Amino acid sequence: MALAPMVSPLWSSTSLSLADLQALAQHHGVPPEDVLLIALNLYGVTSSDRRHRARLSLVLTSAPGTTWNIVGPLNAADSPFRMVGRDLLLGDAVVGTVLTVDNDEAVGGYFRDGGRAATLNPNARSRCVGCAFCPNTLEAAADPRLSEEMELAELFDALRAQHPRHDLSDLVDVTVSTGCFEREDLAISHLVRLRAVLDSLDVEARIGFLSSVVRTHDGFAELADRVAPIILRLTVECFSRRDLLLKASKASLDNQHMPEVLRRAQEHGLGTSFTYIVGLDPLDEMRRGVAELMPHVSEFPGFQIYQAHNRIMAHLRVPGGDELDFYLEARHVLEEVMSGTGLRPKAWQCYRSLWYYTFADEELLPRA
């Protein structure tokens, strides 16, 4: 059944108030804190800091027991959110406290989940300019292209100094955010070197690989033999306008063959998931595409809210994709598709998530 057309929004982004947000939360049956964080991802922040993109660590006034990391613009002139000093305001109401503000540079790596997970950018992610919606061209080019085991080892030495306890012994997940592996053989060679470095450090972490270039039986067999444990996070991103929105190496994987690639990876014992950007497809297209992939997925996908950092990127949104209602409706659609899978989101895995304190009627975190 086709979804009903999006109704005209009751509030524009600039006029959204705390009372409006609470009314939206009640209408959609979603905690106000979730609506607030979704809105913050969608609209960004206006402030005296003119950076177009930064990482914010913050706590909400209504639920100060949890620290959240948000990535977005600080110079969003039309945003209803303002940062004044360390206060985060919606209208005149203080809704949060900003703990830290960092440049969102394409650095070599950083930690999540209290130091138990690391994300690596080992292949000059900031030089990858292929996908129309990607903000990497706005980031500082601080990340090197790491091609040798020695260089990877040096990266881990630097990461150890950044670790909360200067210790990699509790590292259980290492995600490789690629950007620039254009061929299967290059990606596999890098992952083999990465596993060798982890072995030399006595780190038994699972590798998570964000990519769509590894597709063949032989490629997955080599990963299973030389790199496992590993999970493929297929970079799907969108189902429509793929030739327009994606660089060639991603667009060459069409919708029909995505389930086949995931199934092939599972046949060789790999974990499977995918990344997807909410706001680039109509909701019907999103529902259909996600439902076709879910039988071949072992972990909750990385659903991200689309962020537009300039006017050109804003025009890439699907109609309605600039409104908060669209993302709250998308959240309900995805909950319906995911309901029977038993898979649930972990908000720390995604800086632009649709879920924080609840998933449908299930509590993910206490709001205290």
Protein backbone atom coordinates (compact mmCIF):
# COMPACT_ATOMS: atom_id res chain seq x y z
CA MET A 1 0.00 0.00 0.00
CA ALA A 2 1.33 3.45 -0.88
CA LEU A 3 2.03 5.77 1.97
CA ALA A 4 -0.15 8.84 2.34
CA PRO A 5 1.43 12.04 0.99
CA MET A 6 3.26 14.13 3.52
CA VAL A 7 0.97 16.79 4.95
CA SER A 8 2.08 20.41 5.13
CA PRO A 9 4.19 20.87 8.26
CA LEU A 10 2.66 22.76 11.13
CA TRP A 11 5.93 24.51 11.91
CA SER A 12 8.86 25.72 9.87
CA SER A 13 12.34 24.97 11.11
CA THR A 14 12.97 28.52 12.27
CA SER A 15 9.70 28.77 14.25
CA LEU A 16 9.92 25.42 16.03
CA SER A 17 9.53 25.94 19.78
CA LEU A 18 9.81 23.60 22.75
CA ALA A 19 6.00 23.45 22.97
CA ASP A 20 5.82 22.55 19.25
CA LEU A 21 8.41 19.84 19.76
CA GLN A 22 6.49 18.36 22.69
CA ALA A 23 3.28 18.40 20.63
CA LEU A 24 5.06 16.56 17.81
CA ALA A 25 6.38 14.01 20.29
CA GLN A 26 2.89 13.36 21.63
CA HIS A 27 1.41 13.12 18.12
CA HIS A 28 3.98 10.56 16.98
CA GLY A 29 4.24 8.70 20.28
CA VAL A 30 7.94 9.44 20.55
CA PRO A 31 9.88 10.76 23.59
CA PRO A 32 10.50 14.52 23.40
CA GLU A 33 14.22 13.81 23.83
CA ASP A 34 14.25 11.69 20.67
CA VAL A 35 12.41 14.38 18.71
CA LEU A 36 14.83 17.03 19.99
CA LEU A 37 17.92 15.05 18.95
CA ILE A 38 16.43 14.23 15.55
CA ALA A 39 15.63 17.92 15.03
CA LEU A 40 19.13 18.92 16.10
CA ASN A 41 20.62 16.54 13.52
CA LEU A 42 18.28 17.81 10.83
CA TYR A 43 18.53 21.55 11.43
CA GLY A 44 21.99 22.03 12.92
CA VAL A 45 22.82 24.96 15.20
CA THR A 46 23.24 28.67 14.76
CA SER A 47 26.02 30.24 16.83
CA SER A 48 28.82 32.76 16.80
CA ASP A 49 31.10 29.87 15.76
CA ARG A 50 31.12 29.94 11.94
CA ARG A 51 32.31 26.37 11.41
CA HIS A 52 30.19 24.59 8.85
CA ARG A 53 30.69 21.23 10.54
CA ALA A 54 31.70 20.22 14.06
CA ARG A 55 31.33 17.44 16.62
CA LEU A 56 29.31 18.37 19.69
CA SER A 57 29.27 16.44 22.95
CA LEU A 58 26.18 17.41 24.93
CA VAL A 59 23.68 16.48 27.62
CA LEU A 60 19.97 17.25 27.53
CA THR A 61 18.38 19.30 30.28
CA SER A 62 15.49 16.83 30.58
CA ALA A 63 17.74 13.74 30.68
CA PRO A 64 21.21 14.70 31.95
CA GLY A 65 22.31 11.15 32.69
CA THR A 66 23.51 10.43 29.12
CA THR A 67 26.08 12.23 26.98
CA TRP A 68 25.31 12.40 23.25
CA ASN A 69 27.63 13.09 20.31
CA ILE A 70 26.17 15.07 17.44
CA VAL A 71 27.90 16.02 14.17
CA GLY A 72 26.52 18.98 12.25
CA PRO A 73 26.87 22.61 11.21
CA LEU A 74 27.30 25.41 13.73
CA ASN A 75 26.44 28.12 11.18
CA ALA A 76 22.92 26.98 10.26
CA ALA A 77 21.23 30.37 10.01
CA ASP A 78 17.70 28.92 9.68
CA SER A 79 18.01 26.55 12.63
CA PRO A 80 15.68 26.94 15.62
CA PHE A 81 18.60 25.87 17.86
CA ARG A 82 21.10 28.39 19.16
CA MET A 83 24.34 27.83 21.04
CA VAL A 84 25.07 30.67 23.45
CA GLY A 85 28.21 29.98 25.44
CA ARG A 86 27.68 26.34 26.41
CA ASP A 87 23.88 26.61 26.55
CA LEU A 88 21.87 24.96 23.78
CA LEU A 89 18.61 26.84 23.32
CA LEU A 90 15.40 26.11 21.42
CA GLY A 91 13.71 29.48 21.25
CA ASP A 92 14.24 30.92 24.72
CA ALA A 93 14.32 27.52 26.46
CA VAL A 94 17.62 25.94 27.50
CA VAL A 95 17.33 22.34 26.28
CA GLY A 96 20.91 21.17 26.75
CA THR A 97 24.50 21.86 27.72
CA VAL A 98 27.32 21.54 25.21
CA LEU A 99 30.33 19.89 26.86
CA THR A 100 32.84 20.00 24.00
CA VAL A 101 33.08 21.32 20.44
CA ASP A 102 35.62 19.78 18.05
CA ASN A 103 36.37 20.23 14.38
CA ASP A 104 34.91 17.38 12.35
CA GLU A 105 38.14 16.79 10.50
CA ALA A 106 38.70 13.62 8.55
CA VAL A 107 41.27 12.45 11.08
CA GLY A 108 42.88 9.02 11.04
CA GLY A 109 40.65 7.59 13.75
CA TYR A 110 38.59 8.13 16.89
CA PHE A 111 36.86 6.14 19.64
CA ARG A 112 33.22 5.45 20.45
CA ASP A 113 31.33 3.48 23.08
CA GLY A 114 33.65 4.48 25.90
CA GLY A 115 36.76 3.28 24.08
CA ARG A 116 35.44 -0.19 23.19
CA ALA A 117 34.97 0.74 19.52
CA ALA A 118 37.24 2.60 17.12
CA THR A 119 36.53 4.11 13.71
CA LEU A 120 39.45 4.35 11.26
CA ASN A 121 39.76 6.53 8.18
CA PRO A 122 42.82 4.80 6.74
CA ASN A 123 42.54 5.67 3.06
CA ALA A 124 42.38 9.47 2.76
CA ARG A 125 38.62 9.74 3.20
CA SER A 126 38.73 13.51 2.77
CA ARG A 127 39.98 13.07 -0.81
CA CYS A 128 36.91 11.09 -1.81
CA VAL A 129 34.57 13.53 -3.59
CA GLY A 130 32.36 11.19 -5.57
CA CYS A 131 28.96 11.16 -3.80
CA ALA A 132 26.88 14.31 -4.22
CA PHE A 133 25.55 14.34 -0.64
CA CYS A 134 28.82 13.68 1.19
CA PRO A 135 30.24 16.48 3.41
CA ASN A 136 33.84 15.23 3.15
CA THR A 137 34.73 17.99 0.69
CA LEU A 138 33.95 20.46 3.48
CA GLU A 139 36.30 18.82 5.96
CA ALA A 140 39.94 19.53 6.62
CA ALA A 141 42.15 17.08 4.75
CA ALA A 142 43.92 15.82 7.84
CA ASP A 143 43.74 12.09 7.10
CA PRO A 144 46.64 10.35 5.37
CA ARG A 145 46.47 7.47 2.91
CA LEU A 146 47.82 4.56 4.96
CA SER A 147 49.10 1.79 2.72
CA GLU A 148 51.65 -0.10 4.81
CA GLU A 149 51.42 -2.12 8.00
CA MET A 150 53.99 0.16 9.64
CA GLU A 151 51.78 3.20 8.94
CA LEU A 152 48.76 1.42 10.37
CA ALA A 153 50.78 0.52 13.46
CA GLU A 154 51.72 4.20 13.85
CA LEU A 155 48.03 5.11 13.63
CA PHE A 156 47.25 2.72 16.48
CA ASP A 157 50.08 4.20 18.53
CA ALA A 158 48.45 7.61 18.10
CA LEU A 159 45.05 6.17 18.95
CA ARG A 160 46.37 4.60 22.14
CA ALA A 161 47.38 8.07 23.33
CA GLN A 162 43.79 9.27 22.72
CA HIS A 163 42.13 6.28 24.42
CA PRO A 164 40.30 7.09 27.69
CA ARG A 165 42.59 4.63 29.50
CA HIS A 166 45.52 4.62 27.04
CA ASP A 167 44.80 0.94 26.57
CA LEU A 168 43.53 -1.04 23.57
CA SER A 169 42.92 -4.26 25.47
CA ASP A 170 39.14 -3.73 25.66
CA LEU A 171 38.80 -2.77 21.98
CA VAL A 172 36.18 -5.10 20.53
CA ASP A 173 35.13 -3.37 17.31
CA VAL A 174 37.24 -1.58 14.67
CA THR A 175 35.26 0.04 11.86
CA VAL A 176 37.01 0.93 8.60
CA SER A 177 35.37 3.92 6.92
CA THR A 178 36.83 3.71 3.46
CA GLY A 179 35.88 6.44 1.03
CA CYS A 180 38.51 5.63 -1.57
CA PHE A 181 38.90 1.87 -2.12
CA GLU A 182 37.80 1.71 -5.73
CA ARG A 183 38.58 -1.99 -6.32
CA GLU A 184 37.94 -5.21 -4.46
CA ASP A 185 41.59 -6.32 -4.43
CA LEU A 186 42.79 -3.03 -2.92
CA ALA A 187 40.19 -3.19 -0.16
CA ILE A 188 41.01 -6.80 0.72
CA SER A 189 44.76 -6.14 0.78
CA HIS A 190 44.25 -3.28 3.22
CA LEU A 191 42.05 -5.37 5.51
CA VAL A 192 44.63 -8.17 5.54
CA ARG A 193 47.28 -5.64 6.64
CA LEU A 194 44.94 -4.26 9.29
CA ARG A 195 44.33 -7.72 10.74
CA ALA A 196 48.09 -8.32 10.89
CA VAL A 197 48.55 -5.10 12.87
CA LEU A 198 45.72 -5.98 15.27
CA ASP A 199 47.26 -9.43 15.79
CA SER A 200 50.62 -7.85 16.56
CA LEU A 201 48.92 -5.73 19.25
CA ASP A 202 47.05 -8.75 20.68
CA VAL A 203 43.76 -7.01 19.80
CA GLU A 204 41.08 -9.54 18.85
CA ALA A 205 38.53 -6.96 17.72
CA ARG A 206 36.04 -7.62 14.98
CA ILE A 207 36.58 -5.48 11.89
CA GLY A 208 33.60 -3.64 10.48
CA PHE A 209 34.04 -2.73 6.83
CA LEU A 210 31.96 0.05 5.21
CA SER A 211 32.10 -0.64 1.49
CA SER A 212 30.34 -1.80 -1.63
CA VAL A 213 33.41 -2.83 -3.66
CA VAL A 214 33.83 -6.36 -2.25
CA ARG A 215 31.18 -8.45 -4.02
CA THR A 216 32.60 -11.77 -5.28
CA HIS A 217 32.67 -15.25 -3.75
CA ASP A 218 36.47 -15.25 -3.98
CA GLY A 219 36.68 -11.88 -2.24
CA PHE A 220 34.47 -12.93 0.66
CA ALA A 221 36.29 -16.26 0.93
CA GLU A 222 39.60 -14.42 1.34
CA LEU A 223 38.13 -12.11 3.98
CA ALA A 224 36.76 -15.13 5.86
CA ASP A 225 40.13 -16.88 5.71
CA ARG A 226 42.50 -13.99 6.44
CA VAL A 227 40.55 -11.19 8.12
CA ALA A 228 37.64 -12.68 10.14
CA PRO A 229 35.95 -11.87 12.45
CA ILE A 230 34.51 -9.20 10.15
CA ILE A 231 31.16 -7.62 9.33
CA LEU A 232 30.35 -6.12 5.94
CA ARG A 233 28.40 -2.87 6.28
CA LEU A 234 27.26 -2.45 2.69
CA THR A 235 27.18 1.25 1.73
CA VAL A 236 23.72 1.32 0.17
CA GLU A 237 22.95 4.99 1.01
CA CYS A 238 19.85 5.26 -1.23
CA PHE A 239 17.67 3.23 -3.60
CA SER A 240 16.59 5.90 -6.10
CA ARG A 241 18.65 8.30 -8.25
CA ARG A 242 21.76 6.23 -7.59
CA ASP A 243 23.48 7.31 -10.82
CA LEU A 244 22.90 10.94 -9.86
CA LEU A 245 23.79 10.80 -6.16
CA LEU A 246 26.55 8.18 -5.89
CA LYS A 247 30.05 7.90 -7.24
CA ALA A 248 30.51 5.27 -9.94
CA SER A 249 31.93 2.51 -7.73
CA LYS A 250 28.81 2.65 -5.51
CA ALA A 251 26.25 3.29 -8.24
CA SER A 252 27.42 0.23 -10.17
CA LEU A 253 25.80 -1.95 -7.49
CA ASP A 254 22.12 -1.81 -8.39
CA ASN A 255 19.14 -2.53 -6.15
CA GLN A 256 18.59 -5.96 -7.66
CA HIS A 257 22.06 -7.21 -6.71
CA MET A 258 22.34 -5.74 -3.20
CA PRO A 259 20.57 -8.69 -1.50
CA GLU A 260 22.78 -11.06 -3.48
CA VAL A 261 25.99 -9.42 -2.20
CA LEU A 262 24.79 -9.58 1.41
CA ARG A 263 23.70 -13.19 1.01
CA ARG A 264 27.07 -14.08 -0.53
CA ALA A 265 28.90 -12.52 2.42
CA GLN A 266 26.75 -14.50 4.87
CA GLU A 267 27.49 -17.73 3.00
CA HIS A 268 31.16 -17.20 3.85
CA GLY A 269 30.43 -16.57 7.53
CA LEU A 270 30.68 -12.78 7.55
CA GLY A 271 28.36 -10.59 9.57
CA THR A 272 26.23 -8.30 7.44
CA SER A 273 24.54 -4.91 7.69
CA PHE A 274 24.23 -1.77 5.57
CA THR A 275 24.27 2.02 5.75
CA TYR A 276 21.38 4.14 4.50
CA ILE A 277 20.68 7.89 4.44
CA VAL A 278 17.09 8.84 5.30
CA GLY A 279 15.88 11.81 3.28
CA LEU A 280 17.15 10.88 -0.19
CA ASP A 281 14.30 8.48 -1.09
CA PRO A 282 10.51 8.71 -0.90
CA LEU A 283 9.20 6.70 2.07
CA ASP A 284 7.61 4.05 -0.19
CA GLU A 285 10.94 3.48 -1.92
CA MET A 286 12.75 3.35 1.43
CA ARG A 287 10.29 0.79 2.81
CA ARG A 288 10.56 -1.45 -0.24
CA GLY A 289 14.34 -1.34 -0.47
CA VAL A 290 14.98 -1.93 3.23
CA ALA A 291 12.48 -4.80 3.37
CA GLU A 292 14.28 -6.56 0.50
CA LEU A 293 17.64 -6.33 2.30
CA MET A 294 16.56 -7.33 5.80
CA PRO A 295 16.46 -11.13 5.26
CA HIS A 296 20.21 -10.95 4.59
CA VAL A 297 21.24 -8.73 7.52
CA SER A 298 22.63 -9.86 10.88
CA GLU A 299 22.94 -6.47 12.64
CA PHE A 300 20.82 -3.33 12.80
CA PRO A 301 21.57 -1.11 9.78
CA GLY A 302 23.09 2.34 10.08
CA PHE A 303 20.15 4.62 9.28
CA GLN A 304 21.36 8.24 9.14
CA ILE A 305 19.47 11.52 8.95
CA TYR A 306 20.46 13.42 5.82
CA GLN A 307 22.23 16.70 6.57
CA ALA A 308 22.47 19.43 3.95
CA HIS A 309 25.49 21.70 4.45
CA ASN A 310 24.77 24.09 1.58
CA ARG A 311 22.00 24.98 -0.85
CA ILE A 312 23.13 22.50 -3.48
CA MET A 313 23.02 19.64 -0.97
CA ALA A 314 19.60 20.83 0.26
CA HIS A 315 18.16 20.36 -3.24
CA LEU A 316 19.17 16.68 -3.19
CA ARG A 317 16.55 15.92 -0.52
CA VAL A 318 13.35 14.18 -1.53
CA PRO A 319 10.27 16.45 -1.28
CA GLY A 320 9.43 16.80 2.43
CA GLY A 321 12.93 15.79 3.47
CA ASP A 322 13.59 19.18 5.01
CA GLU A 323 10.84 18.76 7.61
CA LEU A 324 10.90 17.08 11.00
CA ASP A 325 7.60 15.27 10.33
CA PHE A 326 9.23 13.35 7.46
CA TYR A 327 11.87 11.82 9.73
CA LEU A 328 9.40 10.94 12.47
CA GLU A 329 7.25 9.19 9.87
CA ALA A 330 10.34 7.48 8.45
CA ARG A 331 11.15 6.26 11.95
CA HIS A 332 7.73 4.60 12.21
CA VAL A 333 8.08 3.02 8.74
CA LEU A 334 11.47 1.53 9.61
CA GLU A 335 10.20 0.27 12.97
CA GLU A 336 7.46 -1.62 11.12
CA VAL A 337 9.95 -3.16 8.70
CA MET A 338 12.35 -4.09 11.51
CA SER A 339 9.76 -5.22 14.05
CA GLY A 340 10.05 -8.95 13.45
CA THR A 341 13.82 -9.10 13.13
CA GLY A 342 14.78 -8.74 16.79
CA LEU A 343 17.48 -6.26 15.74
CA ARG A 344 17.61 -2.97 17.61
CA PRO A 345 19.68 0.23 17.26
CA LYS A 346 22.59 1.30 19.42
CA ALA A 347 22.65 5.08 19.32
CA TRP A 348 26.41 5.32 19.93
CA GLN A 349 27.01 3.61 16.58
CA CYS A 350 25.44 6.47 14.62
CA TYR A 351 25.95 10.22 15.08
CA ARG A 352 22.80 10.99 13.05
CA SER A 353 20.39 8.41 14.38
CA LEU A 354 16.57 8.26 14.36
CA TRP A 355 16.52 6.43 17.74
CA TYR A 356 17.86 7.41 21.14
CA TYR A 357 15.71 6.49 24.15
CA THR A 358 13.07 4.28 22.50
CA PHE A 359 12.49 2.04 19.50
CA ALA A 360 8.74 1.78 18.85
CA ASP A 361 7.37 0.94 22.32
CA GLU A 362 10.66 -0.50 23.61
CA GLU A 363 12.96 1.43 25.94
CA LEU A 364 16.56 1.60 24.77
CA LEU A 365 17.89 3.84 27.56
CA PRO A 366 16.39 5.29 30.75
CA ARG A 367 15.61 9.00 30.45
CA ALA A 368 17.25 10.04 33.70
